[in-house]
Amino acid sequence: MFFVYMVQCADNTLYTGWTTDIMARIKQHNSGKGSKYTRTRRPVCLVFSEQCEDKSAALKREIAIKKLPRDQKMELIEKYKGIK
């Protein structure tokens, strides 16, 4: 399985990525080994995830989410909260 996810960083910024194991990836981010961006913005908290059918779909969705303005990202996060 492939997932697109968003985390909220300690400085209130959002980071979007893709993975096959969300919890392991969050642990990587919080240990400082997840990405250069989140390394100095720890801790991070998972605020959104979405399952994708394959790696290609996950990469395309990641790019689409990264292009969204912050207010639309926040709308995705709010909808995600309602599903959980």
C-alpha atoms as a PDB file:
ATOM      1  CA  MET A   1       0.000   0.000   0.000  1.00  0.00           C
ATOM      2  CA  PHE A   2       1.074   3.558  -0.688  1.00  0.00           C
ATOM      3  CA  PHE A   3       0.012   6.640   1.238  1.00  0.00           C
ATOM      4  CA  VAL A   4       0.227  10.394   0.879  1.00  0.00           C
ATOM      5  CA  TYR A   5       0.438  12.175   4.201  1.00  0.00           C
ATOM      6  CA  MET A   6       0.737  15.621   5.739  1.00  0.00           C
ATOM      7  CA  VAL A   7       2.363  16.431   9.026  1.00  0.00           C
ATOM      8  CA  GLN A   8       2.170  19.622  10.994  1.00  0.00           C
ATOM      9  CA  CYS A   9       5.570  20.726  12.217  1.00  0.00           C
ATOM     10  CA  ALA A  10       6.360  22.391  15.550  1.00  0.00           C
ATOM     11  CA  ASP A  11       6.548  25.780  13.787  1.00  0.00           C
ATOM     12  CA  ASN A  12       2.982  25.217  12.452  1.00  0.00           C
ATOM     13  CA  THR A  13       4.130  24.617   8.849  1.00  0.00           C
ATOM     14  CA  LEU A  14       2.879  21.654   6.834  1.00  0.00           C
ATOM     15  CA  TYR A  15       4.991  18.997   5.152  1.00  0.00           C
ATOM     16  CA  THR A  16       3.579  16.604   2.541  1.00  0.00           C
ATOM     17  CA  GLY A  17       5.131  13.300   1.527  1.00  0.00           C
ATOM     18  CA  TRP A  18       4.414   9.724   0.510  1.00  0.00           C
ATOM     19  CA  THR A  19       5.265   6.408   2.138  1.00  0.00           C
ATOM     20  CA  THR A  20       4.356   2.744   2.428  1.00  0.00           C
ATOM     21  CA  ASP A  21       4.351   2.841   6.259  1.00  0.00           C
ATOM     22  CA  ILE A  22       2.954   5.995   7.832  1.00  0.00           C
ATOM     23  CA  MET A  23       3.842   5.308  11.464  1.00  0.00           C
ATOM     24  CA  ALA A  24       7.430   4.361  10.608  1.00  0.00           C
ATOM     25  CA  ARG A  25       7.748   7.511   8.512  1.00  0.00           C
ATOM     26  CA  ILE A  26       6.457   9.738  11.329  1.00  0.00           C
ATOM     27  CA  LYS A  27       9.014   8.147  13.662  1.00  0.00           C
ATOM     28  CA  GLN A  28      11.727   8.898  11.101  1.00  0.00           C
ATOM     29  CA  HIS A  29      10.647  12.531  10.899  1.00  0.00           C
ATOM     30  CA  ASN A  30      10.612  12.861  14.689  1.00  0.00           C
ATOM     31  CA  SER A  31      14.030  11.239  15.050  1.00  0.00           C
ATOM     32  CA  GLY A  32      15.524  13.785  12.628  1.00  0.00           C
ATOM     33  CA  LYS A  33      16.027  11.276   9.807  1.00  0.00           C
ATOM     34  CA  GLY A  34      12.807  11.813   7.854  1.00  0.00           C
ATOM     35  CA  SER A  35      13.569  14.797   5.640  1.00  0.00           C
ATOM     36  CA  LYS A  36      15.781  17.830   5.582  1.00  0.00           C
ATOM     37  CA  TYR A  37      12.722  20.086   5.945  1.00  0.00           C
ATOM     38  CA  THR A  38      11.331  18.452   9.097  1.00  0.00           C
ATOM     39  CA  ARG A  39      14.722  17.889  10.732  1.00  0.00           C
ATOM     40  CA  THR A  40      14.739  21.365  12.285  1.00  0.00           C
ATOM     41  CA  ARG A  41      10.971  21.588  12.791  1.00  0.00           C
ATOM     42  CA  ARG A  42      10.376  18.708  15.170  1.00  0.00           C
ATOM     43  CA  PRO A  43       8.228  17.293  16.551  1.00  0.00           C
ATOM     44  CA  VAL A  44       5.797  16.620  13.746  1.00  0.00           C
ATOM     45  CA  CYS A  45       2.238  15.378  14.074  1.00  0.00           C
ATOM     46  CA  LEU A  46       0.262  13.460  11.458  1.00  0.00           C
ATOM     47  CA  VAL A  47      -2.723  15.556  10.347  1.00  0.00           C
ATOM     48  CA  PHE A  48      -3.733  13.895   7.053  1.00  0.00           C
ATOM     49  CA  SER A  49      -3.271  10.637   5.178  1.00  0.00           C
ATOM     50  CA  GLU A  50      -4.785   9.130   2.071  1.00  0.00           C
ATOM     51  CA  GLN A  51      -4.294   5.666   0.613  1.00  0.00           C
ATOM     52  CA  CYS A  52      -3.302   5.443  -3.057  1.00  0.00           C
ATOM     53  CA  GLU A  53      -3.516   2.475  -5.403  1.00  0.00           C
ATOM     54  CA  ASP A  54       0.157   2.517  -6.420  1.00  0.00           C
ATOM     55  CA  LYS A  55       3.395   4.497  -6.159  1.00  0.00           C
ATOM     56  CA  SER A  56       2.646   6.518  -9.280  1.00  0.00           C
ATOM     57  CA  ALA A  57      -0.726   7.619  -7.908  1.00  0.00           C
ATOM     58  CA  ALA A  58       0.859   8.521  -4.564  1.00  0.00           C
ATOM     59  CA  LEU A  59       3.530  10.656  -6.229  1.00  0.00           C
ATOM     60  CA  LYS A  60       0.953  12.442  -8.384  1.00  0.00           C
ATOM     61  CA  ARG A  61      -1.285  13.115  -5.388  1.00  0.00           C
ATOM     62  CA  GLU A  62       1.680  14.370  -3.345  1.00  0.00           C
ATOM     63  CA  ILE A  63       2.539  16.878  -6.084  1.00  0.00           C
ATOM     64  CA  ALA A  64      -1.107  17.974  -6.362  1.00  0.00           C
ATOM     65  CA  ILE A  65      -1.373  18.568  -2.607  1.00  0.00           C
ATOM     66  CA  LYS A  66       1.932  20.463  -2.500  1.00  0.00           C
ATOM     67  CA  LYS A  67       0.570  22.856  -5.153  1.00  0.00           C
ATOM     68  CA  LEU A  68      -2.520  23.697  -3.074  1.00  0.00           C
ATOM     69  CA  PRO A  69      -2.623  26.938  -1.120  1.00  0.00           C
ATOM     70  CA  ARG A  70      -2.498  26.525   2.652  1.00  0.00           C
ATOM     71  CA  ASP A  71      -6.230  27.185   3.127  1.00  0.00           C
ATOM     72  CA  GLN A  72      -7.109  24.287   0.814  1.00  0.00           C
ATOM     73  CA  LYS A  73      -4.633  22.042   2.631  1.00  0.00           C
ATOM     74  CA  MET A  74      -6.355  22.986   5.887  1.00  0.00           C
ATOM     75  CA  GLU A  75      -9.710  22.011   4.335  1.00  0.00           C
ATOM     76  CA  LEU A  76      -8.270  18.558   3.499  1.00  0.00           C
ATOM     77  CA  ILE A  77      -7.076  18.239   7.080  1.00  0.00           C
ATOM     78  CA  GLU A  78     -10.496  19.191   8.478  1.00  0.00           C
ATOM     79  CA  LYS A  79     -12.246  16.637   6.238  1.00  0.00           C
ATOM     80  CA  TYR A  80      -9.710  14.010   7.339  1.00  0.00           C
ATOM     81  CA  LYS A  81     -10.462  14.755  10.992  1.00  0.00           C
ATOM     82  CA  GLY A  82     -14.148  14.174  10.303  1.00  0.00           C
ATOM     83  CA  ILE A  83     -13.450  10.745   8.787  1.00  0.00           C
ATOM     84  CA  LYS A  84     -11.262   9.458  11.612  1.00  0.00           C
END
